[in-house]
PDB file of N, CA and C in Angstrom:
ATOM      1  N   MET A   1      85.078 -38.528  83.213  1.00  0.00           N
ATOM      2  CA  MET A   1      86.372 -37.997  82.903  1.00  0.00           C
ATOM      3  C   MET A   1      86.894 -37.236  84.123  1.00  0.00           C
ATOM      4  N   ARG A   2      88.130 -37.507  84.483  1.00  0.00           N
ATOM      5  CA  ARG A   2      88.756 -36.827  85.621  1.00  0.00           C
ATOM      6  C   ARG A   2      89.611 -35.675  85.106  1.00  0.00           C
ATOM      7  N   MET A   3      89.441 -34.521  85.716  1.00  0.00           N
ATOM      8  CA  MET A   3      90.210 -33.346  85.311  1.00  0.00           C
ATOM      9  C   MET A   3      90.769 -32.668  86.551  1.00  0.00           C
ATOM     10  N   ARG A   4      91.897 -32.025  86.373  1.00  0.00           N
ATOM     11  CA  ARG A   4      92.452 -31.173  87.429  1.00  0.00           C
ATOM     12  C   ARG A   4      92.336 -29.741  86.935  1.00  0.00           C
ATOM     13  N   VAL A   5      91.794 -28.900  87.758  1.00  0.00           N
ATOM     14  CA  VAL A   5      91.551 -27.509  87.380  1.00  0.00           C
ATOM     15  C   VAL A   5      92.334 -26.606  88.323  1.00  0.00           C
ATOM     16  N   ALA A   6      93.031 -25.656  87.757  1.00  0.00           N
ATOM     17  CA  ALA A   6      93.727 -24.646  88.558  1.00  0.00           C
ATOM     18  C   ALA A   6      93.046 -23.308  88.314  1.00  0.00           C
ATOM     19  N   MET A   7      92.860 -22.559  89.370  1.00  0.00           N
ATOM     20  CA  MET A   7      92.221 -21.256  89.242  1.00  0.00           C
ATOM     21  C   MET A   7      93.211 -20.197  89.736  1.00  0.00           C
ATOM     22  N   LEU A   8      93.546 -19.284  88.875  1.00  0.00           N
ATOM     23  CA  LEU A   8      94.427 -18.173  89.220  1.00  0.00           C
ATOM     24  C   LEU A   8      93.573 -16.913  89.228  1.00  0.00           C
ATOM     25  N   LEU A   9      93.507 -16.256  90.364  1.00  0.00           N
ATOM     26  CA  LEU A   9      92.666 -15.072  90.499  1.00  0.00           C
ATOM     27  C   LEU A   9      93.514 -13.822  90.311  1.00  0.00           C
ATOM     28  N   ASP A  10      93.147 -13.020  89.353  1.00  0.00           N
ATOM     29  CA  ASP A  10      93.881 -11.804  88.997  1.00  0.00           C
ATOM     30  C   ASP A  10      93.514 -10.682  89.961  1.00  0.00           C
ATOM     31  N   ASN A  11      94.516 -10.076  90.578  1.00  0.00           N
ATOM     32  CA  ASN A  11      94.239  -8.940  91.460  1.00  0.00           C
ATOM     33  C   ASN A  11      94.943  -7.683  90.965  1.00  0.00           C
ATOM     34  N   ALA A  12      95.169  -7.616  89.659  1.00  0.00           N
ATOM     35  CA  ALA A  12      95.810  -6.447  89.052  1.00  0.00           C
ATOM     36  C   ALA A  12      94.859  -5.252  89.081  1.00  0.00           C
ATOM     37  N   GLY A  13      95.403  -4.077  88.842  1.00  0.00           N
ATOM     38  CA  GLY A  13      94.624  -2.845  88.904  1.00  0.00           C
ATOM     39  C   GLY A  13      93.406  -2.825  88.005  1.00  0.00           C
ATOM     40  N   SER A  14      93.487  -3.453  86.835  1.00  0.00           N
ATOM     41  CA  SER A  14      92.349  -3.442  85.915  1.00  0.00           C
ATOM     42  C   SER A  14      91.138  -4.177  86.480  1.00  0.00           C
ATOM     43  N   MET A  15      91.348  -5.057  87.456  1.00  0.00           N
ATOM     44  CA  MET A  15      90.231  -5.783  88.059  1.00  0.00           C
ATOM     45  C   MET A  15      89.353  -4.861  88.906  1.00  0.00           C
ATOM     46  N   ALA A  16      89.851  -3.685  89.266  1.00  0.00           N
ATOM     47  CA  ALA A  16      89.070  -2.745  90.072  1.00  0.00           C
ATOM     48  C   ALA A  16      87.972  -2.076  89.251  1.00  0.00           C
ATOM     49  N   GLN A  17      88.059  -2.164  87.935  1.00  0.00           N
ATOM     50  CA  GLN A  17      87.074  -1.522  87.066  1.00  0.00           C
ATOM     51  C   GLN A  17      85.795  -2.357  86.982  1.00  0.00           C
ATOM     52  N   ASP A  18      84.687  -1.683  86.876  1.00  0.00           N
ATOM     53  CA  ASP A  18      83.379  -2.311  86.644  1.00  0.00           C
ATOM     54  C   ASP A  18      82.994  -3.343  87.702  1.00  0.00           C
ATOM     55  N   GLY A  19      83.515  -3.209  88.917  1.00  0.00           N
ATOM     56  CA  GLY A  19      83.127  -4.108  90.002  1.00  0.00           C
ATOM     57  C   GLY A  19      83.652  -5.529  89.883  1.00  0.00           C
ATOM     58  N   LYS A  20      84.657  -5.738  89.023  1.00  0.00           N
ATOM     59  CA  LYS A  20      85.172  -7.096  88.821  1.00  0.00           C
ATOM     60  C   LYS A  20      85.816  -7.663  90.082  1.00  0.00           C
ATOM     61  N   MET A  21      86.574  -6.834  90.799  1.00  0.00           N
ATOM     62  CA  MET A  21      87.266  -7.319  91.994  1.00  0.00           C
ATOM     63  C   MET A  21      86.268  -7.744  93.069  1.00  0.00           C
ATOM     64  N   SER A  22      85.231  -6.963  93.268  1.00  0.00           N
ATOM     65  CA  SER A  22      84.253  -7.314  94.299  1.00  0.00           C
ATOM     66  C   SER A  22      83.403  -8.515  93.896  1.00  0.00           C
ATOM     67  N   ALA A  23      83.253  -8.771  92.599  1.00  0.00           N
ATOM     68  CA  ALA A  23      82.479  -9.924  92.134  1.00  0.00           C
ATOM     69  C   ALA A  23      83.302 -11.212  92.134  1.00  0.00           C
ATOM     70  N   MET A  24      84.627 -11.089  92.173  1.00  0.00           N
ATOM     71  CA  MET A  24      85.490 -12.262  92.048  1.00  0.00           C
ATOM     72  C   MET A  24      85.297 -13.308  93.148  1.00  0.00           C
ATOM     73  N   PRO A  25      85.224 -12.953  94.446  1.00  0.00           N
ATOM     74  CA  PRO A  25      85.062 -13.998  95.462  1.00  0.00           C
ATOM     75  C   PRO A  25      83.807 -14.841  95.259  1.00  0.00           C
ATOM     76  N   THR A  26      82.705 -14.208  94.920  1.00  0.00           N
ATOM     77  CA  THR A  26      81.466 -14.950  94.693  1.00  0.00           C
ATOM     78  C   THR A  26      81.586 -15.847  93.475  1.00  0.00           C
ATOM     79  N   ALA A  27      82.164 -15.325  92.399  1.00  0.00           N
ATOM     80  CA  ALA A  27      82.329 -16.125  91.180  1.00  0.00           C
ATOM     81  C   ALA A  27      83.245 -17.319  91.435  1.00  0.00           C
ATOM     82  N   ALA A  28      84.330 -17.104  92.171  1.00  0.00           N
ATOM     83  CA  ALA A  28      85.252 -18.199  92.481  1.00  0.00           C
ATOM     84  C   ALA A  28      84.573 -19.246  93.351  1.00  0.00           C
ATOM     85  N   LYS A  29      83.821 -18.800  94.357  1.00  0.00           N
ATOM     86  CA  LYS A  29      83.113 -19.749  95.225  1.00  0.00           C
ATOM     87  C   LYS A  29      82.071 -20.528  94.438  1.00  0.00           C
ATOM     88  N   ASN A  30      81.365 -19.878  93.518  1.00  0.00           N
ATOM     89  CA  ASN A  30      80.379 -20.585  92.701  1.00  0.00           C
ATOM     90  C   ASN A  30      81.031 -21.678  91.861  1.00  0.00           C
ATOM     91  N   LEU A  31      82.214 -21.396  91.307  1.00  0.00           N
ATOM     92  CA  LEU A  31      82.926 -22.418  90.543  1.00  0.00           C
ATOM     93  C   LEU A  31      83.335 -23.573  91.445  1.00  0.00           C
ATOM     94  N   VAL A  32      83.887 -23.253  92.614  1.00  0.00           N
ATOM     95  CA  VAL A  32      84.313 -24.296  93.546  1.00  0.00           C
ATOM     96  C   VAL A  32      83.129 -25.152  93.972  1.00  0.00           C
ATOM     97  N   ASP A  33      81.974 -24.540  94.179  1.00  0.00           N
ATOM     98  CA  ASP A  33      80.780 -25.286  94.568  1.00  0.00           C
ATOM     99  C   ASP A  33      80.376 -26.304  93.508  1.00  0.00           C
ATOM    100  N   GLN A  34      80.735 -26.053  92.253  1.00  0.00           N
ATOM    101  CA  GLN A  34      80.397 -26.979  91.176  1.00  0.00           C
ATOM    102  C   GLN A  34      81.415 -28.108  91.045  1.00  0.00           C
ATOM    103  N   LEU A  35      82.574 -27.946  91.652  1.00  0.00           N
ATOM    104  CA  LEU A  35      83.606 -28.973  91.596  1.00  0.00           C
ATOM    105  C   LEU A  35      83.406 -29.952  92.743  1.00  0.00           C
ATOM    106  N   SER A  36      84.054 -31.083  92.669  1.00  0.00           N
ATOM    107  CA  SER A  36      83.870 -32.088  93.713  1.00  0.00           C
ATOM    108  C   SER A  36      84.674 -31.796  94.965  1.00  0.00           C
ATOM    109  N   GLY A  37      85.691 -30.983  94.880  1.00  0.00           N
ATOM    110  CA  GLY A  37      86.476 -30.675  96.064  1.00  0.00           C
ATOM    111  C   GLY A  37      87.490 -29.593  95.787  1.00  0.00           C
ATOM    112  N   LEU A  38      88.156 -29.186  96.830  1.00  0.00           N
ATOM    113  CA  LEU A  38      89.092 -28.075  96.725  1.00  0.00           C
ATOM    114  C   LEU A  38      90.246 -28.293  97.677  1.00  0.00           C
ATOM    115  N   VAL A  39      91.429 -27.989  97.214  1.00  0.00           N
ATOM    116  CA  VAL A  39      92.588 -27.897  98.085  1.00  0.00           C
ATOM    117  C   VAL A  39      93.145 -26.502  97.898  1.00  0.00           C
ATOM    118  N   LEU A  40      93.212 -25.744  98.967  1.00  0.00           N
ATOM    119  CA  LEU A  40      93.762 -24.395  98.924  1.00  0.00           C
ATOM    120  C   LEU A  40      95.245 -24.493  99.233  1.00  0.00           C
ATOM    121  N   LEU A  41      96.070 -24.144  98.269  1.00  0.00           N
ATOM    122  CA  LEU A  41      97.509 -24.265  98.448  1.00  0.00           C
ATOM    123  C   LEU A  41      98.030 -23.140  99.330  1.00  0.00           C
ATOM    124  N   ALA A  42      98.765 -23.505 100.352  1.00  0.00           N
ATOM    125  CA  ALA A  42      99.306 -22.509 101.271  1.00  0.00           C
ATOM    126  C   ALA A  42     100.301 -21.593 100.580  1.00  0.00           C
ATOM    127  N   GLY A  43     100.950 -22.065  99.555  1.00  0.00           N
ATOM    128  CA  GLY A  43     101.946 -21.272  98.854  1.00  0.00           C
ATOM    129  C   GLY A  43     101.384 -20.531  97.670  1.00  0.00           C
ATOM    130  N   ALA A  44     100.092 -20.287  97.647  1.00  0.00           N
ATOM    131  CA  ALA A  44      99.464 -19.651  96.483  1.00  0.00           C
ATOM    132  C   ALA A  44     100.076 -18.294  96.171  1.00  0.00           C
ATOM    133  N   LEU A  45     100.530 -17.587  97.186  1.00  0.00           N
ATOM    134  CA  LEU A  45     101.137 -16.281  96.956  1.00  0.00           C
ATOM    135  C   LEU A  45     102.396 -16.397  96.110  1.00  0.00           C
ATOM    136  N   ASP A  46     103.059 -17.547  96.177  1.00  0.00           N
ATOM    137  CA  ASP A  46     104.299 -17.735  95.434  1.00  0.00           C
ATOM    138  C   ASP A  46     104.083 -17.699  93.927  1.00  0.00           C
ATOM    139  N   ALA A  47     102.863 -17.863  93.468  1.00  0.00           N
ATOM    140  CA  ALA A  47     102.576 -17.822  92.035  1.00  0.00           C
ATOM    141  C   ALA A  47     102.576 -16.396  91.503  1.00  0.00           C
ATOM    142  N   GLN A  48     102.540 -15.440  92.394  1.00  0.00           N
ATOM    143  CA  GLN A  48     102.486 -14.045  91.973  1.00  0.00           C
ATOM    144  C   GLN A  48     103.878 -13.473  91.763  1.00  0.00           C
ATOM    145  N   ASN A  49     103.945 -12.491  90.932  1.00  0.00           N
ATOM    146  CA  ASN A  49     105.178 -11.729  90.766  1.00  0.00           C
ATOM    147  C   ASN A  49     105.200 -10.709  91.901  1.00  0.00           C
ATOM    148  N   ARG A  50     106.124 -10.869  92.820  1.00  0.00           N
ATOM    149  CA  ARG A  50     106.110 -10.042  94.031  1.00  0.00           C
ATOM    150  C   ARG A  50     107.119  -8.910  93.986  1.00  0.00           C
ATOM    151  N   TRP A  51     107.522  -8.435  92.865  1.00  0.00           N
ATOM    152  CA  TRP A  51     108.545  -7.389  92.800  1.00  0.00           C
ATOM    153  C   TRP A  51     108.129  -6.115  93.516  1.00  0.00           C
ATOM    154  N   TRP A  52     106.831  -5.869  93.684  1.00  0.00           N
ATOM    155  CA  TRP A  52     106.386  -4.623  94.307  1.00  0.00           C
ATOM    156  C   TRP A  52     106.429  -4.677  95.829  1.00  0.00           C
ATOM    157  N   TYR A  53     106.667  -5.848  96.431  1.00  0.00           N
ATOM    158  CA  TYR A  53     106.792  -5.934  97.882  1.00  0.00           C
ATOM    159  C   TYR A  53     108.208  -5.542  98.280  1.00  0.00           C
ATOM    160  N   SER A  54     108.343  -4.689  99.266  1.00  0.00           N
ATOM    161  CA  SER A  54     109.679  -4.226  99.645  1.00  0.00           C
ATOM    162  C   SER A  54     110.289  -5.033 100.780  1.00  0.00           C
ATOM    163  N   ASN A  55     109.453  -5.799 101.515  1.00  0.00           N
ATOM    164  CA  ASN A  55     110.023  -6.593 102.603  1.00  0.00           C
ATOM    165  C   ASN A  55     109.136  -7.791 102.924  1.00  0.00           C
ATOM    166  N   ALA A  56     109.670  -8.695 103.740  1.00  0.00           N
ATOM    167  CA  ALA A  56     108.972  -9.936 104.060  1.00  0.00           C
ATOM    168  C   ALA A  56     107.669  -9.693 104.815  1.00  0.00           C
ATOM    169  N   SER A  57     107.595  -8.649 105.632  1.00  0.00           N
ATOM    170  CA  SER A  57     106.364  -8.421 106.392  1.00  0.00           C
ATOM    171  C   SER A  57     105.197  -8.082 105.469  1.00  0.00           C
ATOM    172  N   GLN A  58     105.468  -7.424 104.343  1.00  0.00           N
ATOM    173  CA  GLN A  58     104.396  -7.151 103.381  1.00  0.00           C
ATOM    174  C   GLN A  58     103.890  -8.447 102.758  1.00  0.00           C
ATOM    175  N   ILE A  59     104.800  -9.378 102.472  1.00  0.00           N
ATOM    176  CA  ILE A  59     104.394 -10.672 101.926  1.00  0.00           C
ATOM    177  C   ILE A  59     103.563 -11.422 102.961  1.00  0.00           C
ATOM    178  N   ASP A  60     104.008 -11.428 104.235  1.00  0.00           N
ATOM    179  CA  ASP A  60     103.266 -12.099 105.294  1.00  0.00           C
ATOM    180  C   ASP A  60     101.883 -11.492 105.469  1.00  0.00           C
ATOM    181  N   THR A  61     101.781 -10.163 105.381  1.00  0.00           N
ATOM    182  CA  THR A  61     100.490  -9.484 105.497  1.00  0.00           C
ATOM    183  C   THR A  61      99.561  -9.915 104.371  1.00  0.00           C
ATOM    184  N   ARG A  62     100.074  -9.990 103.145  1.00  0.00           N
ATOM    185  CA  ARG A  62      99.256 -10.398 101.997  1.00  0.00           C
ATOM    186  C   ARG A  62      98.825 -11.855 102.128  1.00  0.00           C
ATOM    187  N   ARG A  63      99.733 -12.702 102.605  1.00  0.00           N
ATOM    188  CA  ARG A  63      99.397 -14.117 102.778  1.00  0.00           C
ATOM    189  C   ARG A  63      98.289 -14.265 103.821  1.00  0.00           C
ATOM    190  N   LYS A  64      98.352 -13.488 104.921  1.00  0.00           N
ATOM    191  CA  LYS A  64      97.301 -13.540 105.941  1.00  0.00           C
ATOM    192  C   LYS A  64      95.975 -13.075 105.359  1.00  0.00           C
ATOM    193  N   LYS A  65      95.994 -12.030 104.533  1.00  0.00           N
ATOM    194  CA  LYS A  65      94.758 -11.552 103.916  1.00  0.00           C
ATOM    195  C   LYS A  65      94.152 -12.622 103.018  1.00  0.00           C
ATOM    196  N   LEU A  66      94.978 -13.322 102.244  1.00  0.00           N
ATOM    197  CA  LEU A  66      94.470 -14.404 101.399  1.00  0.00           C
ATOM    198  C   LEU A  66      93.798 -15.475 102.250  1.00  0.00           C
ATOM    199  N   ARG A  67      94.443 -15.846 103.361  1.00  0.00           N
ATOM    200  CA  ARG A  67      93.876 -16.863 104.246  1.00  0.00           C
ATOM    201  C   ARG A  67      92.570 -16.373 104.865  1.00  0.00           C
ATOM    202  N   ASP A  68      92.554 -15.125 105.348  1.00  0.00           N
ATOM    203  CA  ASP A  68      91.342 -14.572 105.953  1.00  0.00           C
ATOM    204  C   ASP A  68      90.200 -14.494 104.945  1.00  0.00           C
ATOM    205  N   ASP A  69      90.507 -14.090 103.709  1.00  0.00           N
ATOM    206  CA  ASP A  69      89.475 -14.016 102.670  1.00  0.00           C
ATOM    207  C   ASP A  69      88.912 -15.397 102.360  1.00  0.00           C
ATOM    208  N   ALA A  70      89.779 -16.399 102.315  1.00  0.00           N
ATOM    209  CA  ALA A  70      89.326 -17.764 102.043  1.00  0.00           C
ATOM    210  C   ALA A  70      88.422 -18.254 103.164  1.00  0.00           C
ATOM    211  N   GLU A  71      88.811 -17.982 104.406  1.00  0.00           N
ATOM    212  CA  GLU A  71      87.984 -18.393 105.540  1.00  0.00           C
ATOM    213  C   GLU A  71      86.642 -17.666 105.531  1.00  0.00           C
ATOM    214  N   ALA A  72      86.640 -16.395 105.174  1.00  0.00           N
ATOM    215  CA  ALA A  72      85.390 -15.629 105.115  1.00  0.00           C
ATOM    216  C   ALA A  72      84.465 -16.172 104.034  1.00  0.00           C
ATOM    217  N   ALA A  73      85.044 -16.758 102.990  1.00  0.00           N
ATOM    218  CA  ALA A  73      84.243 -17.332 101.907  1.00  0.00           C
ATOM    219  C   ALA A  73      83.919 -18.797 102.176  1.00  0.00           C
ATOM    220  N   SER A  74      84.165 -19.262 103.395  1.00  0.00           N
ATOM    221  CA  SER A  74      83.901 -20.642 103.806  1.00  0.00           C
ATOM    222  C   SER A  74      84.726 -21.649 103.017  1.00  0.00           C
ATOM    223  N   ILE A  75      85.950 -21.279 102.681  1.00  0.00           N
ATOM    224  CA  ILE A  75      86.857 -22.193 101.994  1.00  0.00           C
ATOM    225  C   ILE A  75      87.997 -22.472 102.956  1.00  0.00           C
ATOM    226  N   ALA A  76      88.053 -23.668 103.494  1.00  0.00           N
ATOM    227  CA  ALA A  76      89.094 -24.018 104.452  1.00  0.00           C
ATOM    228  C   ALA A  76      90.249 -24.707 103.742  1.00  0.00           C
ATOM    229  N   ARG A  77      91.446 -24.524 104.264  1.00  0.00           N
ATOM    230  CA  ARG A  77      92.622 -25.162 103.675  1.00  0.00           C
ATOM    231  C   ARG A  77      92.455 -26.678 103.701  1.00  0.00           C
ATOM    232  N   ALA A  78      92.761 -27.305 102.590  1.00  0.00           N
ATOM    233  CA  ALA A  78      92.692 -28.754 102.442  1.00  0.00           C
ATOM    234  C   ALA A  78      91.322 -29.285 102.837  1.00  0.00           C
ATOM    235  N   ALA A  79      90.294 -28.517 102.588  1.00  0.00           N
ATOM    236  CA  ALA A  79      88.932 -28.940 102.872  1.00  0.00           C
ATOM    237  C   ALA A  79      88.190 -29.063 101.560  1.00  0.00           C
ATOM    238  N   SER A  80      87.064 -29.684 101.605  1.00  0.00           N
ATOM    239  CA  SER A  80      86.307 -29.856 100.374  1.00  0.00           C
ATOM    240  C   SER A  80      84.943 -29.216 100.501  1.00  0.00           C
ATOM    241  N   THR A  81      84.373 -28.887  99.361  1.00  0.00           N
ATOM    242  CA  THR A  81      83.021 -28.361  99.361  1.00  0.00           C
ATOM    243  C   THR A  81      82.022 -29.506  99.375  1.00  0.00           C
ATOM    244  N   ARG A  82      82.476 -30.666  98.969  1.00  0.00           N
ATOM    245  CA  ARG A  82      81.677 -31.893  99.033  1.00  0.00           C
ATOM    246  C   ARG A  82      82.573 -32.973  99.619  1.00  0.00           C
ATOM    247  N   SER A  83      82.301 -34.203  99.344  1.00  0.00           N
ATOM    248  CA  SER A  83      83.115 -35.294  99.870  1.00  0.00           C
ATOM    249  C   SER A  83      84.333 -35.528  98.985  1.00  0.00           C
ATOM    250  N   VAL A  84      85.503 -35.503  99.583  1.00  0.00           N
ATOM    251  CA  VAL A  84      86.737 -35.777  98.846  1.00  0.00           C
ATOM    252  C   VAL A  84      87.392 -36.998  99.477  1.00  0.00           C
ATOM    253  N   GLN A  85      87.708 -37.984  98.661  1.00  0.00           N
ATOM    254  CA  GLN A  85      88.316 -39.207  99.174  1.00  0.00           C
ATOM    255  C   GLN A  85      89.778 -38.990  99.559  1.00  0.00           C
ATOM    256  N   THR A  86      90.503 -38.221  98.772  1.00  0.00           N
ATOM    257  CA  THR A  86      91.927 -38.016  99.004  1.00  0.00           C
ATOM    258  C   THR A  86      92.253 -36.546  98.861  1.00  0.00           C
ATOM    259  N   VAL A  87      93.055 -36.041  99.757  1.00  0.00           N
ATOM    260  CA  VAL A  87      93.535 -34.664  99.653  1.00  0.00           C
ATOM    261  C   VAL A  87      95.023 -34.738  99.381  1.00  0.00           C
ATOM    262  N   TRP A  88      95.444 -34.125  98.288  1.00  0.00           N
ATOM    263  CA  TRP A  88      96.861 -34.127  97.931  1.00  0.00           C
ATOM    264  C   TRP A  88      97.537 -32.949  98.585  1.00  0.00           C
ATOM    265  N   GLY A  89      98.776 -33.134  99.063  1.00  0.00           N
ATOM    266  CA  GLY A  89      99.478 -32.049  99.726  1.00  0.00           C
ATOM    267  C   GLY A  89     100.591 -31.503  98.910  1.00  0.00           C
TER     268      GLY A  89
END
């Protein structure tokens, strides 16, 4: 059976409780490792409600942090954790 899975990672204030925020990268990577492949969407920040950002530079800073965190977790954009025949853009 073929399935498409979307993962939305919550970074709200409640995630700071009980070590949930610090455990999230490992948990997300473990899930990705079980899947056949991964495409990291460059526009992932657009899924968030950004009303708290006051200017474009704050959005750019957050987008860079997301990219840096993904690279630190060995998740490359449009890369796979295993063999992927096709990467959708």
